[in-house]
Amino acid sequence: MRKASIFTCLFVLSCAAVANETQKSLIWGDSYQPSKWEWDFDQHTKPWKEVEAAMPAYPRADKLVGFEVSSASQNKFYVDLPSVSVGDDGVVRYTVVIRSPSGAETVSFEGMRCDIGDRKLYAFGHADGKGSGAWSRNRYAKWEPIKEREQTSYQKVLFYHYFCTVEGQGNLAFIHKILKSGGLYDRREGGFIRN
């Protein structure tokens, strides 16, 4: 009986010591020291630098290309085709128009980083009622992760089905082709659209 309790006590103490060491090794931060291989590898990469985004022309109704987001939303979603660009920094910039069933519109100029899955809202559009409008810069613009779990996330749909490739960089000609055809997956032919 006494041997069993001593054995149990030693077992509990050894488990606690292992758990403590495991917890220390799981902390990522000041205690992490990259290996020489990681250090050498990372030294050859240039830090990413964002190119200043120029505001596009206000979207015209005849240049909008619709895309489907989700059956959970009654809104209609459009991309202004002339506003789509791929910068030297790898950012796909575009204007999106969201139209509610009552006809109200939300217009925004945004950017998407295909390499890491982030998005940025650069400006809000304000229609003038005559087929044009003006932009107001977003003073709080910052890069944020694309919301993966929202069923009505149009950024998620644009990321996965229109703007970004497996390689992580958007190709402008291919993006235009995909937008005009209705997405990366060809619903009529039953297969993926190729470059």
C-alpha atoms as a PDB file:
ATOM      1  CA  MET A   1       0.000   0.000   0.000  1.00  0.00           C
ATOM      2  CA  ARG A   2       2.814   2.359   0.957  1.00  0.00           C
ATOM      3  CA  LYS A   3       4.764   1.523  -2.235  1.00  0.00           C
ATOM      4  CA  ALA A   4       1.687   2.277  -4.334  1.00  0.00           C
ATOM      5  CA  SER A   5       1.202   5.726  -2.745  1.00  0.00           C
ATOM      6  CA  ILE A   6       4.927   6.584  -3.187  1.00  0.00           C
ATOM      7  CA  PHE A   7       4.734   5.444  -6.811  1.00  0.00           C
ATOM      8  CA  THR A   8       1.582   7.525  -7.371  1.00  0.00           C
ATOM      9  CA  CYS A   9       3.213  10.584  -5.805  1.00  0.00           C
ATOM     10  CA  LEU A  10       6.331  10.230  -7.975  1.00  0.00           C
ATOM     11  CA  PHE A  11       4.185   9.743 -11.070  1.00  0.00           C
ATOM     12  CA  VAL A  12       2.172  12.924 -10.367  1.00  0.00           C
ATOM     13  CA  LEU A  13       5.348  14.963  -9.761  1.00  0.00           C
ATOM     14  CA  SER A  14       6.958  13.746 -12.985  1.00  0.00           C
ATOM     15  CA  CYS A  15       3.788  14.556 -14.969  1.00  0.00           C
ATOM     16  CA  ALA A  16       3.773  18.072 -13.500  1.00  0.00           C
ATOM     17  CA  ALA A  17       7.430  18.596 -14.461  1.00  0.00           C
ATOM     18  CA  VAL A  18       6.806  17.414 -18.039  1.00  0.00           C
ATOM     19  CA  ALA A  19       3.717  19.636 -18.339  1.00  0.00           C
ATOM     20  CA  ASN A  20       5.698  22.643 -17.120  1.00  0.00           C
ATOM     21  CA  GLU A  21       8.462  22.075 -19.709  1.00  0.00           C
ATOM     22  CA  THR A  22       5.885  21.495 -22.465  1.00  0.00           C
ATOM     23  CA  GLN A  23       4.111  24.739 -21.590  1.00  0.00           C
ATOM     24  CA  LYS A  24       7.413  26.652 -21.750  1.00  0.00           C
ATOM     25  CA  SER A  25       8.215  25.219 -25.174  1.00  0.00           C
ATOM     26  CA  LEU A  26       4.801  26.216 -26.549  1.00  0.00           C
ATOM     27  CA  ILE A  27       5.328  29.916 -25.812  1.00  0.00           C
ATOM     28  CA  TRP A  28       6.245  31.752 -28.997  1.00  0.00           C
ATOM     29  CA  GLY A  29       7.902  35.085 -28.441  1.00  0.00           C
ATOM     30  CA  ASP A  30      10.978  36.253 -26.577  1.00  0.00           C
ATOM     31  CA  SER A  31      12.060  32.703 -25.796  1.00  0.00           C
ATOM     32  CA  TYR A  32      12.006  31.671 -29.482  1.00  0.00           C
ATOM     33  CA  GLN A  33      15.418  31.627 -31.136  1.00  0.00           C
ATOM     34  CA  PRO A  34      15.402  30.976 -34.890  1.00  0.00           C
ATOM     35  CA  SER A  35      17.800  28.397 -36.170  1.00  0.00           C
ATOM     36  CA  LYS A  36      20.722  29.421 -38.364  1.00  0.00           C
ATOM     37  CA  TRP A  37      18.907  27.955 -41.370  1.00  0.00           C
ATOM     38  CA  GLU A  38      15.787  30.079 -40.704  1.00  0.00           C
ATOM     39  CA  TRP A  39      17.900  33.193 -40.151  1.00  0.00           C
ATOM     40  CA  ASP A  40      19.831  32.694 -43.401  1.00  0.00           C
ATOM     41  CA  PHE A  41      16.640  31.974 -45.322  1.00  0.00           C
ATOM     42  CA  ASP A  42      14.784  35.049 -44.017  1.00  0.00           C
ATOM     43  CA  GLN A  43      17.702  37.402 -44.662  1.00  0.00           C
ATOM     44  CA  HIS A  44      17.224  37.061 -48.424  1.00  0.00           C
ATOM     45  CA  THR A  45      13.611  38.245 -48.438  1.00  0.00           C
ATOM     46  CA  LYS A  46      12.761  41.891 -48.763  1.00  0.00           C
ATOM     47  CA  PRO A  47      10.185  43.277 -46.360  1.00  0.00           C
ATOM     48  CA  TRP A  48       6.845  43.956 -48.034  1.00  0.00           C
ATOM     49  CA  LYS A  49       6.139  47.621 -48.757  1.00  0.00           C
ATOM     50  CA  GLU A  50       2.734  48.894 -49.812  1.00  0.00           C
ATOM     51  CA  VAL A  51       2.441  51.096 -52.885  1.00  0.00           C
ATOM     52  CA  GLU A  52       0.268  54.177 -52.409  1.00  0.00           C
ATOM     53  CA  ALA A  53      -3.150  53.517 -53.900  1.00  0.00           C
ATOM     54  CA  ALA A  54      -4.565  56.028 -56.383  1.00  0.00           C
ATOM     55  CA  MET A  55      -8.332  56.489 -56.263  1.00  0.00           C
ATOM     56  CA  PRO A  56     -10.067  55.088 -59.341  1.00  0.00           C
ATOM     57  CA  ALA A  57     -12.841  56.834 -61.238  1.00  0.00           C
ATOM     58  CA  TYR A  58     -16.247  56.491 -59.608  1.00  0.00           C
ATOM     59  CA  PRO A  59     -17.927  53.288 -60.887  1.00  0.00           C
ATOM     60  CA  ARG A  60     -20.398  53.499 -63.763  1.00  0.00           C
ATOM     61  CA  ALA A  61     -23.381  51.145 -63.893  1.00  0.00           C
ATOM     62  CA  ASP A  62     -22.491  49.854 -67.381  1.00  0.00           C
ATOM     63  CA  LYS A  63     -19.026  48.696 -66.190  1.00  0.00           C
ATOM     64  CA  LEU A  64     -20.220  46.677 -63.177  1.00  0.00           C
ATOM     65  CA  VAL A  65     -19.765  42.898 -63.221  1.00  0.00           C
ATOM     66  CA  GLY A  66     -21.968  40.913 -60.840  1.00  0.00           C
ATOM     67  CA  PHE A  67     -20.793  38.040 -58.691  1.00  0.00           C
ATOM     68  CA  GLU A  68     -22.640  35.662 -56.393  1.00  0.00           C
ATOM     69  CA  VAL A  69     -21.821  35.654 -52.691  1.00  0.00           C
ATOM     70  CA  SER A  70     -24.402  33.596 -50.847  1.00  0.00           C
ATOM     71  CA  SER A  71     -28.059  32.663 -50.959  1.00  0.00           C
ATOM     72  CA  ALA A  72     -28.208  33.938 -47.369  1.00  0.00           C
ATOM     73  CA  SER A  73     -28.001  37.538 -48.652  1.00  0.00           C
ATOM     74  CA  GLN A  74     -30.597  39.322 -50.756  1.00  0.00           C
ATOM     75  CA  ASN A  75     -28.036  41.963 -51.728  1.00  0.00           C
ATOM     76  CA  LYS A  76     -26.506  42.088 -55.192  1.00  0.00           C
ATOM     77  CA  PHE A  77     -22.696  42.341 -55.400  1.00  0.00           C
ATOM     78  CA  TYR A  78     -20.701  43.944 -58.227  1.00  0.00           C
ATOM     79  CA  VAL A  79     -17.083  44.733 -59.063  1.00  0.00           C
ATOM     80  CA  ASP A  80     -16.242  47.772 -61.175  1.00  0.00           C
ATOM     81  CA  LEU A  81     -14.126  46.121 -63.884  1.00  0.00           C
ATOM     82  CA  PRO A  82     -12.031  49.208 -64.853  1.00  0.00           C
ATOM     83  CA  SER A  83     -11.033  49.742 -61.206  1.00  0.00           C
ATOM     84  CA  VAL A  84      -9.428  46.303 -60.802  1.00  0.00           C
ATOM     85  CA  SER A  85      -5.637  46.500 -60.727  1.00  0.00           C
ATOM     86  CA  VAL A  86      -2.676  44.498 -59.468  1.00  0.00           C
ATOM     87  CA  GLY A  87       0.035  46.720 -58.000  1.00  0.00           C
ATOM     88  CA  ASP A  88       3.791  46.224 -57.891  1.00  0.00           C
ATOM     89  CA  ASP A  89       3.255  45.327 -54.221  1.00  0.00           C
ATOM     90  CA  GLY A  90       1.035  42.371 -55.226  1.00  0.00           C
ATOM     91  CA  VAL A  91      -2.155  44.005 -53.917  1.00  0.00           C
ATOM     92  CA  VAL A  92      -5.321  43.538 -55.963  1.00  0.00           C
ATOM     93  CA  ARG A  93      -7.249  46.827 -55.747  1.00  0.00           C
ATOM     94  CA  TYR A  94     -10.882  47.085 -56.793  1.00  0.00           C
ATOM     95  CA  THR A  95     -14.165  48.916 -56.321  1.00  0.00           C
ATOM     96  CA  VAL A  96     -17.105  46.917 -55.025  1.00  0.00           C
ATOM     97  CA  VAL A  97     -20.758  47.966 -55.193  1.00  0.00           C
ATOM     98  CA  ILE A  98     -23.352  46.330 -52.955  1.00  0.00           C
ATOM     99  CA  ARG A  99     -26.983  46.974 -53.862  1.00  0.00           C
ATOM    100  CA  SER A 100     -29.789  46.164 -51.424  1.00  0.00           C
ATOM    101  CA  PRO A 101     -33.244  44.968 -52.565  1.00  0.00           C
ATOM    102  CA  SER A 102     -34.580  48.492 -51.889  1.00  0.00           C
ATOM    103  CA  GLY A 103     -31.964  49.995 -54.252  1.00  0.00           C
ATOM    104  CA  ALA A 104     -29.611  51.495 -51.660  1.00  0.00           C
ATOM    105  CA  GLU A 105     -25.945  51.180 -52.624  1.00  0.00           C
ATOM    106  CA  THR A 106     -22.728  50.854 -50.689  1.00  0.00           C
ATOM    107  CA  VAL A 107     -19.630  51.678 -52.731  1.00  0.00           C
ATOM    108  CA  SER A 108     -16.094  51.084 -51.507  1.00  0.00           C
ATOM    109  CA  PHE A 109     -12.559  51.020 -52.879  1.00  0.00           C
ATOM    110  CA  GLU A 110     -10.581  48.156 -51.346  1.00  0.00           C
ATOM    111  CA  GLY A 111      -7.355  46.194 -51.576  1.00  0.00           C
ATOM    112  CA  MET A 112      -6.582  42.518 -51.063  1.00  0.00           C
ATOM    113  CA  ARG A 113      -3.254  40.842 -50.308  1.00  0.00           C
ATOM    114  CA  CYS A 114      -3.373  37.423 -51.922  1.00  0.00           C
ATOM    115  CA  ASP A 115      -0.144  36.298 -50.260  1.00  0.00           C
ATOM    116  CA  ILE A 116      -1.495  36.487 -46.700  1.00  0.00           C
ATOM    117  CA  GLY A 117      -5.289  36.822 -47.061  1.00  0.00           C
ATOM    118  CA  ASP A 118      -5.710  40.375 -45.761  1.00  0.00           C
ATOM    119  CA  ARG A 119      -7.944  43.175 -46.971  1.00  0.00           C
ATOM    120  CA  LYS A 120      -7.996  46.946 -46.601  1.00  0.00           C
ATOM    121  CA  LEU A 121     -10.825  49.445 -47.084  1.00  0.00           C
ATOM    122  CA  TYR A 122      -9.255  52.544 -48.682  1.00  0.00           C
ATOM    123  CA  ALA A 123     -12.313  54.722 -49.349  1.00  0.00           C
ATOM    124  CA  PHE A 124     -16.090  55.010 -49.309  1.00  0.00           C
ATOM    125  CA  GLY A 125     -18.073  56.152 -52.342  1.00  0.00           C
ATOM    126  CA  HIS A 126     -20.826  58.771 -52.300  1.00  0.00           C
ATOM    127  CA  ALA A 127     -23.142  58.886 -55.332  1.00  0.00           C
ATOM    128  CA  ASP A 128     -24.185  62.300 -56.636  1.00  0.00           C
ATOM    129  CA  GLY A 129     -27.484  61.059 -58.112  1.00  0.00           C
ATOM    130  CA  LYS A 130     -26.342  61.837 -61.674  1.00  0.00           C
ATOM    131  CA  GLY A 131     -24.487  58.593 -62.409  1.00  0.00           C
ATOM    132  CA  SER A 132     -21.245  59.622 -60.784  1.00  0.00           C
ATOM    133  CA  GLY A 133     -19.930  60.348 -57.313  1.00  0.00           C
ATOM    134  CA  ALA A 134     -16.965  61.134 -55.092  1.00  0.00           C
ATOM    135  CA  TRP A 135     -14.633  59.283 -52.732  1.00  0.00           C
ATOM    136  CA  SER A 136     -14.006  59.833 -49.016  1.00  0.00           C
ATOM    137  CA  ARG A 137     -10.773  58.313 -47.734  1.00  0.00           C
ATOM    138  CA  ASN A 138     -11.041  55.898 -44.828  1.00  0.00           C
ATOM    139  CA  ARG A 139      -9.001  57.573 -42.093  1.00  0.00           C
ATOM    140  CA  TYR A 140      -8.786  54.293 -40.196  1.00  0.00           C
ATOM    141  CA  ALA A 141      -7.672  52.113 -43.109  1.00  0.00           C
ATOM    142  CA  LYS A 142      -5.582  49.144 -42.014  1.00  0.00           C
ATOM    143  CA  TRP A 143      -4.897  45.614 -43.138  1.00  0.00           C
ATOM    144  CA  GLU A 144      -7.229  43.064 -41.558  1.00  0.00           C
ATOM    145  CA  PRO A 145      -7.714  39.326 -42.118  1.00  0.00           C
ATOM    146  CA  ILE A 146     -10.503  38.324 -44.483  1.00  0.00           C
ATOM    147  CA  LYS A 147     -13.420  36.946 -42.483  1.00  0.00           C
ATOM    148  CA  GLU A 148     -13.480  33.269 -43.340  1.00  0.00           C
ATOM    149  CA  ARG A 149     -16.467  32.210 -41.282  1.00  0.00           C
ATOM    150  CA  GLU A 150     -19.012  34.784 -42.408  1.00  0.00           C
ATOM    151  CA  GLN A 151     -21.412  33.299 -44.900  1.00  0.00           C
ATOM    152  CA  THR A 152     -21.966  36.659 -46.597  1.00  0.00           C
ATOM    153  CA  SER A 153     -18.297  37.743 -46.787  1.00  0.00           C
ATOM    154  CA  TYR A 154     -17.859  39.051 -50.314  1.00  0.00           C
ATOM    155  CA  GLN A 155     -14.115  39.483 -49.670  1.00  0.00           C
ATOM    156  CA  LYS A 156     -13.841  35.740 -49.021  1.00  0.00           C
ATOM    157  CA  VAL A 157     -15.599  34.988 -52.314  1.00  0.00           C
ATOM    158  CA  LEU A 158     -13.392  37.442 -54.235  1.00  0.00           C
ATOM    159  CA  PHE A 159     -10.266  36.001 -52.592  1.00  0.00           C
ATOM    160  CA  TYR A 160     -11.003  32.342 -53.318  1.00  0.00           C
ATOM    161  CA  HIS A 161     -12.952  32.520 -56.587  1.00  0.00           C
ATOM    162  CA  TYR A 162     -11.829  35.618 -58.478  1.00  0.00           C
ATOM    163  CA  PHE A 163      -8.662  37.459 -57.425  1.00  0.00           C
ATOM    164  CA  CYS A 164      -6.100  35.120 -55.902  1.00  0.00           C
ATOM    165  CA  THR A 165      -4.305  32.078 -57.244  1.00  0.00           C
ATOM    166  CA  VAL A 166      -2.552  29.247 -55.447  1.00  0.00           C
ATOM    167  CA  GLU A 167       0.731  31.056 -56.102  1.00  0.00           C
ATOM    168  CA  GLY A 168      -0.585  33.982 -54.049  1.00  0.00           C
ATOM    169  CA  GLN A 169      -0.372  36.688 -56.719  1.00  0.00           C
ATOM    170  CA  GLY A 170      -3.238  37.966 -58.804  1.00  0.00           C
ATOM    171  CA  ASN A 171      -2.882  38.218 -62.585  1.00  0.00           C
ATOM    172  CA  LEU A 172      -4.918  41.117 -64.031  1.00  0.00           C
ATOM    173  CA  ALA A 173      -5.792  39.509 -67.373  1.00  0.00           C
ATOM    174  CA  PHE A 174      -6.870  36.298 -65.646  1.00  0.00           C
ATOM    175  CA  ILE A 175      -8.883  38.232 -63.026  1.00  0.00           C
ATOM    176  CA  HIS A 176     -10.790  40.038 -65.808  1.00  0.00           C
ATOM    177  CA  LYS A 177     -11.446  36.709 -67.561  1.00  0.00           C
ATOM    178  CA  ILE A 178     -12.724  35.106 -64.357  1.00  0.00           C
ATOM    179  CA  LEU A 179     -14.932  38.095 -63.460  1.00  0.00           C
ATOM    180  CA  LYS A 180     -16.531  38.054 -66.911  1.00  0.00           C
ATOM    181  CA  SER A 181     -17.091  34.287 -66.815  1.00  0.00           C
ATOM    182  CA  GLY A 182     -18.644  34.116 -63.345  1.00  0.00           C
ATOM    183  CA  GLY A 183     -15.833  32.734 -61.197  1.00  0.00           C
ATOM    184  CA  LEU A 184     -12.929  30.344 -61.076  1.00  0.00           C
ATOM    185  CA  TYR A 185     -15.243  27.366 -61.473  1.00  0.00           C
ATOM    186  CA  ASP A 186     -17.027  27.193 -64.823  1.00  0.00           C
ATOM    187  CA  ARG A 187     -20.572  26.178 -63.907  1.00  0.00           C
ATOM    188  CA  ARG A 188     -21.570  25.583 -67.549  1.00  0.00           C
ATOM    189  CA  GLU A 189     -18.649  23.351 -68.530  1.00  0.00           C
ATOM    190  CA  GLY A 190     -18.091  21.820 -65.087  1.00  0.00           C
ATOM    191  CA  GLY A 191     -14.451  22.515 -64.406  1.00  0.00           C
ATOM    192  CA  PHE A 192     -11.897  25.117 -63.421  1.00  0.00           C
ATOM    193  CA  ILE A 193     -11.085  27.979 -65.768  1.00  0.00           C
ATOM    194  CA  ARG A 194      -7.473  27.944 -66.904  1.00  0.00           C
ATOM    195  CA  ASN A 195      -5.108  30.828 -67.679  1.00  0.00           C
END
